N, C-alpha and C. Protein backbone atom coordinates (compact mmCIF):
# COMPACT_ATOMS: atom_id res chain seq x y z
N UNK A 1 -17.01 1.43 0.79
CA UNK A 1 -15.97 2.45 0.74
C UNK A 1 -14.86 2.11 1.73
N UNK A 2 -13.72 2.68 1.49
CA UNK A 2 -12.57 2.42 2.36
C UNK A 2 -12.79 2.99 3.76
N UNK A 3 -13.43 4.15 3.84
CA UNK A 3 -13.67 4.73 5.17
C UNK A 3 -14.60 3.83 5.99
N UNK A 4 -15.59 3.21 5.33
CA UNK A 4 -16.48 2.29 6.04
C UNK A 4 -15.67 1.09 6.55
N UNK A 5 -14.80 0.55 5.70
CA UNK A 5 -13.97 -0.59 6.10
C UNK A 5 -13.09 -0.26 7.30
N UNK A 6 -12.52 0.94 7.30
CA UNK A 6 -11.64 1.33 8.40
C UNK A 6 -12.41 1.57 9.70
N UNK A 7 -13.71 1.75 9.60
CA UNK A 7 -14.54 1.92 10.80
C UNK A 7 -15.13 0.60 11.28
N UNK A 8 -15.37 -0.33 10.37
CA UNK A 8 -16.15 -1.51 10.71
C UNK A 8 -15.46 -2.86 10.53
N UNK A 9 -14.37 -2.91 9.80
CA UNK A 9 -13.68 -4.17 9.55
C UNK A 9 -12.30 -4.14 10.19
N UNK A 10 -11.54 -5.15 9.94
CA UNK A 10 -10.18 -5.19 10.46
C UNK A 10 -9.87 -6.58 10.95
N UNK A 11 -8.74 -6.77 11.51
CA UNK A 11 -7.78 -5.74 11.90
C UNK A 11 -6.92 -5.29 10.72
N UNK A 12 -6.49 -4.03 10.78
CA UNK A 12 -5.61 -3.43 9.79
C UNK A 12 -4.46 -2.73 10.47
N UNK A 13 -3.40 -2.51 9.70
CA UNK A 13 -2.34 -1.60 10.10
C UNK A 13 -2.37 -0.48 9.08
N UNK A 14 -2.43 0.75 9.56
CA UNK A 14 -2.54 1.92 8.70
C UNK A 14 -1.32 2.81 8.89
N UNK A 15 -0.64 3.12 7.78
CA UNK A 15 0.49 4.05 7.80
C UNK A 15 -0.07 5.41 7.41
N UNK A 16 -0.08 6.35 8.36
CA UNK A 16 -0.71 7.65 8.15
C UNK A 16 0.36 8.73 7.98
N UNK A 17 0.42 9.37 6.80
CA UNK A 17 1.39 10.44 6.60
C UNK A 17 0.92 11.74 7.28
N UNK A 18 1.87 12.46 7.88
CA UNK A 18 1.54 13.76 8.47
C UNK A 18 1.22 14.73 7.34
N UNK A 19 0.57 15.84 7.67
CA UNK A 19 0.18 16.81 6.64
C UNK A 19 1.36 17.28 5.80
N UNK A 20 2.52 17.50 6.42
CA UNK A 20 3.70 17.94 5.67
C UNK A 20 4.14 16.88 4.67
N UNK A 21 3.74 15.64 4.88
CA UNK A 21 4.08 14.56 3.96
C UNK A 21 3.41 14.68 2.61
N UNK A 22 2.42 15.57 2.52
CA UNK A 22 1.71 15.80 1.26
C UNK A 22 2.29 17.00 0.50
N UNK A 23 3.43 17.49 0.94
CA UNK A 23 4.05 18.67 0.34
C UNK A 23 4.17 18.51 -1.17
N UNK A 24 3.71 19.54 -1.89
CA UNK A 24 3.80 19.52 -3.35
C UNK A 24 2.66 18.78 -4.03
N UNK A 25 1.73 18.25 -3.25
CA UNK A 25 0.60 17.51 -3.82
C UNK A 25 -0.69 18.14 -3.33
N UNK A 26 -1.55 18.55 -4.24
CA UNK A 26 -2.81 19.16 -3.81
C UNK A 26 -3.86 18.07 -3.55
N UNK A 27 -4.70 18.33 -2.58
CA UNK A 27 -5.77 17.39 -2.26
C UNK A 27 -6.71 17.26 -3.46
N UNK A 28 -6.92 18.35 -4.17
CA UNK A 28 -7.80 18.32 -5.35
C UNK A 28 -7.26 17.35 -6.39
N UNK A 29 -5.95 17.37 -6.61
CA UNK A 29 -5.33 16.45 -7.56
C UNK A 29 -5.46 15.01 -7.08
N UNK A 30 -5.24 14.79 -5.79
CA UNK A 30 -5.32 13.43 -5.24
C UNK A 30 -6.71 12.84 -5.35
N UNK A 31 -7.73 13.68 -5.18
CA UNK A 31 -9.10 13.17 -5.15
C UNK A 31 -9.82 13.30 -6.49
N UNK A 32 -9.16 13.83 -7.52
CA UNK A 32 -9.81 14.02 -8.82
C UNK A 32 -10.20 12.70 -9.46
N UNK A 33 -9.39 11.69 -9.31
CA UNK A 33 -9.67 10.36 -9.87
C UNK A 33 -9.92 9.40 -8.71
N UNK A 34 -11.17 8.99 -8.55
CA UNK A 34 -11.56 8.17 -7.40
C UNK A 34 -10.77 6.86 -7.31
N UNK A 35 -10.57 6.18 -8.44
CA UNK A 35 -9.87 4.89 -8.39
C UNK A 35 -8.40 5.08 -8.01
N UNK A 36 -7.77 6.16 -8.49
CA UNK A 36 -6.39 6.43 -8.09
C UNK A 36 -6.30 6.82 -6.63
N UNK A 37 -7.29 7.56 -6.14
CA UNK A 37 -7.32 7.94 -4.73
C UNK A 37 -7.47 6.70 -3.84
N UNK A 38 -8.33 5.77 -4.26
CA UNK A 38 -8.49 4.53 -3.50
C UNK A 38 -7.20 3.72 -3.51
N UNK A 39 -6.56 3.64 -4.66
CA UNK A 39 -5.30 2.89 -4.76
C UNK A 39 -4.24 3.51 -3.85
N UNK A 40 -4.12 4.83 -3.90
CA UNK A 40 -3.15 5.53 -3.07
C UNK A 40 -3.43 5.27 -1.59
N UNK A 41 -4.67 5.33 -1.19
CA UNK A 41 -5.04 5.07 0.20
C UNK A 41 -4.70 3.63 0.60
N UNK A 42 -5.00 2.69 -0.28
CA UNK A 42 -4.75 1.28 0.03
C UNK A 42 -3.26 0.94 0.08
N UNK A 43 -2.42 1.78 -0.54
CA UNK A 43 -0.97 1.57 -0.44
C UNK A 43 -0.47 1.83 0.98
N UNK A 44 -1.29 2.47 1.79
CA UNK A 44 -0.92 2.78 3.17
C UNK A 44 -1.60 1.84 4.16
N UNK A 45 -2.23 0.78 3.66
CA UNK A 45 -3.02 -0.12 4.49
C UNK A 45 -2.54 -1.56 4.35
N UNK A 46 -2.37 -2.22 5.50
CA UNK A 46 -1.93 -3.61 5.54
C UNK A 46 -2.99 -4.41 6.29
N UNK A 47 -3.36 -5.57 5.76
CA UNK A 47 -4.30 -6.44 6.46
C UNK A 47 -3.59 -7.06 7.66
N UNK A 48 -4.23 -7.00 8.81
CA UNK A 48 -3.64 -7.54 10.03
C UNK A 48 -2.93 -6.47 10.84
N UNK A 49 -2.58 -6.83 12.05
CA UNK A 49 -1.90 -5.90 12.96
C UNK A 49 -0.40 -6.17 12.90
N UNK A 50 0.37 -5.13 12.59
CA UNK A 50 1.83 -5.22 12.55
C UNK A 50 2.43 -4.23 13.54
N UNK A 51 2.66 -4.65 14.78
CA UNK A 51 3.31 -3.76 15.74
C UNK A 51 4.72 -3.41 15.28
N UNK A 52 5.25 -2.32 15.79
CA UNK A 52 6.56 -1.83 15.39
C UNK A 52 7.64 -2.89 15.56
N UNK A 53 7.65 -3.60 16.67
CA UNK A 53 8.67 -4.64 16.89
C UNK A 53 8.58 -5.73 15.83
N UNK A 54 7.39 -6.09 15.43
CA UNK A 54 7.21 -7.09 14.37
C UNK A 54 7.70 -6.54 13.04
N UNK A 55 7.37 -5.29 12.75
CA UNK A 55 7.83 -4.67 11.50
C UNK A 55 9.35 -4.66 11.42
N UNK A 56 10.01 -4.34 12.54
CA UNK A 56 11.48 -4.28 12.53
C UNK A 56 12.10 -5.65 12.27
N UNK A 57 11.41 -6.72 12.65
CA UNK A 57 11.93 -8.08 12.44
C UNK A 57 11.47 -8.68 11.11
N UNK A 58 10.61 -7.98 10.41
CA UNK A 58 10.04 -8.48 9.17
C UNK A 58 10.81 -7.91 7.99
N UNK A 59 11.21 -8.77 7.08
CA UNK A 59 11.88 -8.28 5.88
C UNK A 59 10.90 -7.57 4.95
N UNK A 60 9.72 -8.16 4.78
CA UNK A 60 8.73 -7.59 3.87
C UNK A 60 7.33 -7.68 4.47
N UNK A 61 6.48 -6.82 3.98
CA UNK A 61 5.05 -6.87 4.29
C UNK A 61 4.33 -6.49 3.00
N UNK A 62 3.05 -6.73 2.94
CA UNK A 62 2.29 -6.43 1.72
C UNK A 62 1.11 -5.54 2.06
N UNK A 63 0.93 -4.49 1.25
CA UNK A 63 -0.24 -3.63 1.42
C UNK A 63 -1.44 -4.35 0.81
N UNK A 64 -2.63 -3.81 1.05
CA UNK A 64 -3.82 -4.44 0.48
C UNK A 64 -3.88 -4.27 -1.04
N UNK A 65 -3.00 -3.47 -1.62
CA UNK A 65 -2.90 -3.39 -3.09
C UNK A 65 -2.08 -4.54 -3.64
N UNK A 66 -1.40 -5.27 -2.76
CA UNK A 66 -0.50 -6.33 -3.20
C UNK A 66 0.94 -5.86 -3.34
N UNK A 67 1.17 -4.55 -3.17
CA UNK A 67 2.53 -4.02 -3.26
C UNK A 67 3.34 -4.46 -2.05
N UNK A 68 4.56 -4.89 -2.34
CA UNK A 68 5.46 -5.31 -1.27
C UNK A 68 6.10 -4.08 -0.65
N UNK A 69 6.14 -4.07 0.66
CA UNK A 69 6.85 -3.03 1.40
C UNK A 69 7.99 -3.67 2.16
N UNK A 70 8.99 -2.87 2.46
CA UNK A 70 10.13 -3.39 3.21
C UNK A 70 10.58 -2.37 4.24
N UNK A 71 11.19 -2.89 5.28
CA UNK A 71 11.72 -2.04 6.34
C UNK A 71 13.16 -1.69 6.02
N UNK A 72 13.56 -0.50 6.43
CA UNK A 72 14.95 -0.08 6.28
C UNK A 72 15.43 0.41 7.64
N UNK A 73 16.25 -0.40 8.27
CA UNK A 73 16.82 -0.02 9.56
C UNK A 73 18.32 0.19 9.43
N UNK A 74 18.74 0.62 8.24
CA UNK A 74 20.18 0.76 7.98
C UNK A 74 20.82 1.82 8.86
N UNK A 75 20.02 2.73 9.40
CA UNK A 75 20.57 3.76 10.29
C UNK A 75 20.42 3.35 11.75
N UNK A 76 20.37 2.05 12.00
CA UNK A 76 20.24 1.56 13.36
C UNK A 76 18.88 1.86 13.93
N UNK A 77 18.83 2.07 15.22
CA UNK A 77 17.56 2.36 15.88
C UNK A 77 17.19 3.84 15.82
N UNK A 78 18.04 4.66 15.20
CA UNK A 78 17.76 6.09 15.14
C UNK A 78 16.53 6.39 14.29
N UNK A 79 16.44 5.75 13.13
CA UNK A 79 15.30 5.94 12.26
C UNK A 79 14.92 4.62 11.60
N UNK A 80 13.66 4.31 11.66
CA UNK A 80 13.17 3.15 10.94
C UNK A 80 12.31 3.67 9.80
N UNK A 81 12.60 3.20 8.59
CA UNK A 81 11.90 3.67 7.40
C UNK A 81 11.20 2.51 6.71
N UNK A 82 10.17 2.85 5.98
CA UNK A 82 9.50 1.87 5.13
C UNK A 82 9.60 2.35 3.69
N UNK A 83 9.62 1.40 2.78
CA UNK A 83 9.68 1.71 1.35
C UNK A 83 8.82 0.69 0.63
N UNK A 84 8.08 1.15 -0.36
CA UNK A 84 7.30 0.25 -1.20
C UNK A 84 8.13 -0.16 -2.39
N UNK A 85 8.01 -1.44 -2.77
CA UNK A 85 8.75 -1.96 -3.91
C UNK A 85 8.44 -1.13 -5.15
N UNK A 86 9.47 -0.73 -5.86
CA UNK A 86 9.29 0.08 -7.05
C UNK A 86 9.47 1.57 -6.81
N UNK A 87 9.65 1.95 -5.57
CA UNK A 87 9.82 3.36 -5.23
C UNK A 87 11.17 3.58 -4.57
N UNK A 88 11.76 4.73 -4.84
CA UNK A 88 13.00 5.09 -4.14
C UNK A 88 12.69 5.88 -2.88
N UNK A 89 11.46 6.35 -2.76
CA UNK A 89 11.05 7.16 -1.63
C UNK A 89 10.93 6.29 -0.37
N UNK A 90 11.51 6.77 0.72
CA UNK A 90 11.41 6.09 2.00
C UNK A 90 10.69 7.00 2.98
N UNK A 91 9.78 6.43 3.76
CA UNK A 91 9.05 7.19 4.77
C UNK A 91 9.57 6.79 6.15
N UNK A 92 9.87 7.78 6.96
CA UNK A 92 10.33 7.54 8.32
C UNK A 92 9.11 7.32 9.22
N UNK A 93 9.18 6.29 10.05
CA UNK A 93 8.13 6.07 11.04
C UNK A 93 8.40 7.02 12.20
N UNK A 94 7.51 8.00 12.37
CA UNK A 94 7.68 9.02 13.40
C UNK A 94 7.11 8.59 14.74
N UNK A 95 6.00 7.89 14.70
CA UNK A 95 5.34 7.40 15.91
C UNK A 95 4.70 6.07 15.57
N UNK A 96 4.79 5.13 16.48
CA UNK A 96 4.31 3.79 16.16
C UNK A 96 3.39 3.24 17.24
N UNK A 97 2.72 2.15 16.86
CA UNK A 97 1.90 1.37 17.79
C UNK A 97 0.76 2.15 18.44
N UNK A 98 0.07 2.97 17.66
CA UNK A 98 -1.13 3.64 18.15
C UNK A 98 -2.27 2.64 17.98
N UNK A 99 -2.79 2.14 19.08
CA UNK A 99 -3.76 1.06 19.06
C UNK A 99 -5.17 1.61 18.86
N UNK A 100 -5.93 0.96 17.98
CA UNK A 100 -7.34 1.26 17.75
C UNK A 100 -8.13 -0.03 17.97
N UNK A 101 -9.45 0.08 18.01
CA UNK A 101 -10.27 -1.10 18.27
C UNK A 101 -10.15 -2.14 17.16
N UNK A 102 -9.81 -1.71 15.96
CA UNK A 102 -9.73 -2.65 14.84
C UNK A 102 -8.37 -2.61 14.13
N UNK A 103 -7.32 -2.26 14.88
CA UNK A 103 -6.01 -2.29 14.26
C UNK A 103 -4.99 -1.39 14.92
N UNK A 104 -4.04 -0.96 14.12
CA UNK A 104 -2.91 -0.19 14.62
C UNK A 104 -2.52 0.87 13.61
N UNK A 105 -2.03 2.00 14.12
CA UNK A 105 -1.59 3.11 13.27
C UNK A 105 -0.12 3.38 13.52
N UNK A 106 0.60 3.64 12.42
CA UNK A 106 1.98 4.14 12.50
C UNK A 106 1.99 5.47 11.74
N UNK A 107 2.52 6.51 12.36
CA UNK A 107 2.60 7.82 11.73
C UNK A 107 3.91 7.89 10.94
N UNK A 108 3.82 8.29 9.66
CA UNK A 108 5.01 8.39 8.81
C UNK A 108 5.15 9.82 8.29
N UNK A 109 6.35 10.15 7.82
CA UNK A 109 6.61 11.54 7.42
C UNK A 109 6.33 11.84 5.95
N UNK A 110 6.02 10.83 5.13
CA UNK A 110 5.81 11.06 3.70
C UNK A 110 4.65 10.23 3.18
N UNK A 111 4.01 10.79 2.17
CA UNK A 111 3.00 10.06 1.41
C UNK A 111 3.72 9.10 0.48
N UNK A 112 3.34 7.85 0.50
CA UNK A 112 3.96 6.86 -0.39
C UNK A 112 3.15 6.84 -1.69
N UNK A 113 3.58 7.68 -2.64
CA UNK A 113 2.72 7.92 -3.80
C UNK A 113 3.36 7.66 -5.15
N UNK A 114 4.59 7.27 -5.20
CA UNK A 114 5.25 7.22 -6.50
C UNK A 114 5.31 5.82 -7.10
N UNK A 115 4.41 4.95 -6.68
CA UNK A 115 4.40 3.59 -7.21
C UNK A 115 3.11 3.39 -8.00
N UNK A 116 3.27 3.16 -9.28
CA UNK A 116 2.11 2.97 -10.14
C UNK A 116 1.47 1.61 -9.88
N UNK A 117 0.17 1.49 -10.14
CA UNK A 117 -0.46 0.18 -10.00
C UNK A 117 0.19 -0.83 -10.94
N UNK A 118 0.29 -2.06 -10.49
CA UNK A 118 0.84 -3.11 -11.33
C UNK A 118 -0.07 -3.38 -12.52
N UNK A 119 -1.35 -3.39 -12.26
CA UNK A 119 -2.36 -3.63 -13.28
C UNK A 119 -3.50 -2.64 -13.03
N UNK A 120 -4.01 -2.06 -14.09
CA UNK A 120 -5.13 -1.12 -13.96
C UNK A 120 -6.45 -1.88 -13.91
N UNK A 121 -7.35 -1.44 -13.06
CA UNK A 121 -8.70 -1.98 -13.03
C UNK A 121 -9.46 -1.51 -14.26
N UNK A 122 -10.40 -2.32 -14.70
CA UNK A 122 -11.27 -1.93 -15.80
C UNK A 122 -12.57 -2.70 -15.67
N UNK A 123 -13.57 -2.09 -15.04
CA UNK A 123 -14.83 -2.80 -14.79
C UNK A 123 -15.58 -3.19 -16.07
N UNK A 124 -15.19 -2.63 -17.22
CA UNK A 124 -15.84 -2.98 -18.48
C UNK A 124 -15.22 -4.22 -19.12
N UNK A 125 -14.09 -4.68 -18.63
CA UNK A 125 -13.40 -5.83 -19.22
C UNK A 125 -13.46 -7.04 -18.30
N UNK A 126 -13.38 -8.24 -18.89
CA UNK A 126 -13.39 -9.46 -18.09
C UNK A 126 -11.97 -9.76 -17.60
N UNK A 127 -11.87 -10.72 -16.69
CA UNK A 127 -10.59 -11.05 -16.06
C UNK A 127 -9.52 -11.47 -17.07
N UNK A 128 -9.89 -12.35 -18.00
CA UNK A 128 -8.90 -12.84 -18.97
C UNK A 128 -8.39 -11.72 -19.87
N UNK A 129 -9.27 -10.81 -20.25
CA UNK A 129 -8.86 -9.68 -21.09
C UNK A 129 -7.86 -8.80 -20.34
N UNK A 130 -8.13 -8.52 -19.07
CA UNK A 130 -7.20 -7.70 -18.29
C UNK A 130 -5.85 -8.39 -18.16
N UNK A 131 -5.86 -9.68 -17.87
CA UNK A 131 -4.61 -10.43 -17.75
C UNK A 131 -3.88 -10.45 -19.10
N UNK A 132 -4.62 -10.54 -20.20
CA UNK A 132 -4.02 -10.58 -21.54
C UNK A 132 -3.35 -9.27 -21.93
N UNK A 133 -3.83 -8.17 -21.39
CA UNK A 133 -3.30 -6.86 -21.75
C UNK A 133 -1.91 -6.59 -21.19
N UNK A 134 -1.44 -7.43 -20.29
CA UNK A 134 -0.14 -7.22 -19.66
C UNK A 134 0.76 -8.41 -20.00
N UNK A 135 1.81 -8.18 -20.77
CA UNK A 135 2.69 -9.24 -21.23
C UNK A 135 3.33 -10.05 -20.13
N UNK A 136 3.46 -9.48 -18.94
CA UNK A 136 4.13 -10.21 -17.87
C UNK A 136 3.28 -11.34 -17.30
N UNK A 137 2.05 -11.48 -17.79
CA UNK A 137 1.19 -12.56 -17.32
C UNK A 137 0.96 -13.62 -18.39
N UNK A 138 1.75 -13.61 -19.46
CA UNK A 138 1.54 -14.53 -20.58
C UNK A 138 1.62 -16.00 -20.17
N UNK A 139 2.53 -16.34 -19.27
CA UNK A 139 2.67 -17.74 -18.85
C UNK A 139 1.40 -18.20 -18.13
N UNK A 140 0.91 -17.37 -17.21
CA UNK A 140 -0.31 -17.74 -16.49
C UNK A 140 -1.51 -17.75 -17.44
N UNK A 141 -1.54 -16.82 -18.37
CA UNK A 141 -2.62 -16.78 -19.36
C UNK A 141 -2.63 -18.08 -20.16
N UNK A 142 -1.46 -18.56 -20.57
CA UNK A 142 -1.36 -19.83 -21.30
C UNK A 142 -1.89 -20.98 -20.47
N UNK A 143 -1.57 -20.98 -19.19
CA UNK A 143 -2.07 -22.01 -18.28
C UNK A 143 -3.60 -21.97 -18.22
N UNK A 144 -4.16 -20.77 -18.10
CA UNK A 144 -5.62 -20.63 -18.05
C UNK A 144 -6.26 -21.13 -19.34
N UNK A 145 -5.66 -20.81 -20.47
CA UNK A 145 -6.23 -21.21 -21.76
C UNK A 145 -6.20 -22.72 -21.95
N UNK A 146 -5.17 -23.39 -21.43
CA UNK A 146 -5.09 -24.85 -21.53
C UNK A 146 -6.18 -25.50 -20.67
N UNK A 147 -6.53 -24.86 -19.57
CA UNK A 147 -7.50 -25.43 -18.63
C UNK A 147 -8.95 -25.27 -19.10
N UNK A 148 -9.19 -24.49 -20.13
CA UNK A 148 -10.58 -24.27 -20.55
C UNK A 148 -11.02 -25.23 -21.61
């Protein structure tokens, strides 16, 4: 489980939204579908430690879902925001560099929830079938088929 990983593995950087960041979203709705809840949680998790100074100098970072995130410092040092690729929503970093034994926490003002998974998991299907179901992987699928 993800909670076990956050207690026993790492290092990770975790972007934690404040309670007000969940405005308009019920916890019941968020937890109704376990795989979607896990995906949503993993969108707030980065492998490795990313201190605030490093984030500000980094153009992009990747969550453990593979989604690209980017920093927005367009308002100077007054507010530093993060945004996930595919979303217009930006979260302000309210507090940064909270050190834990296995990583770092940054407190943000919004839940980063409006980015759909690139590919849906399906434990009943094999890898090639899942790749085949998405047209944007046709080139790689052709490469795989030539190699077999």
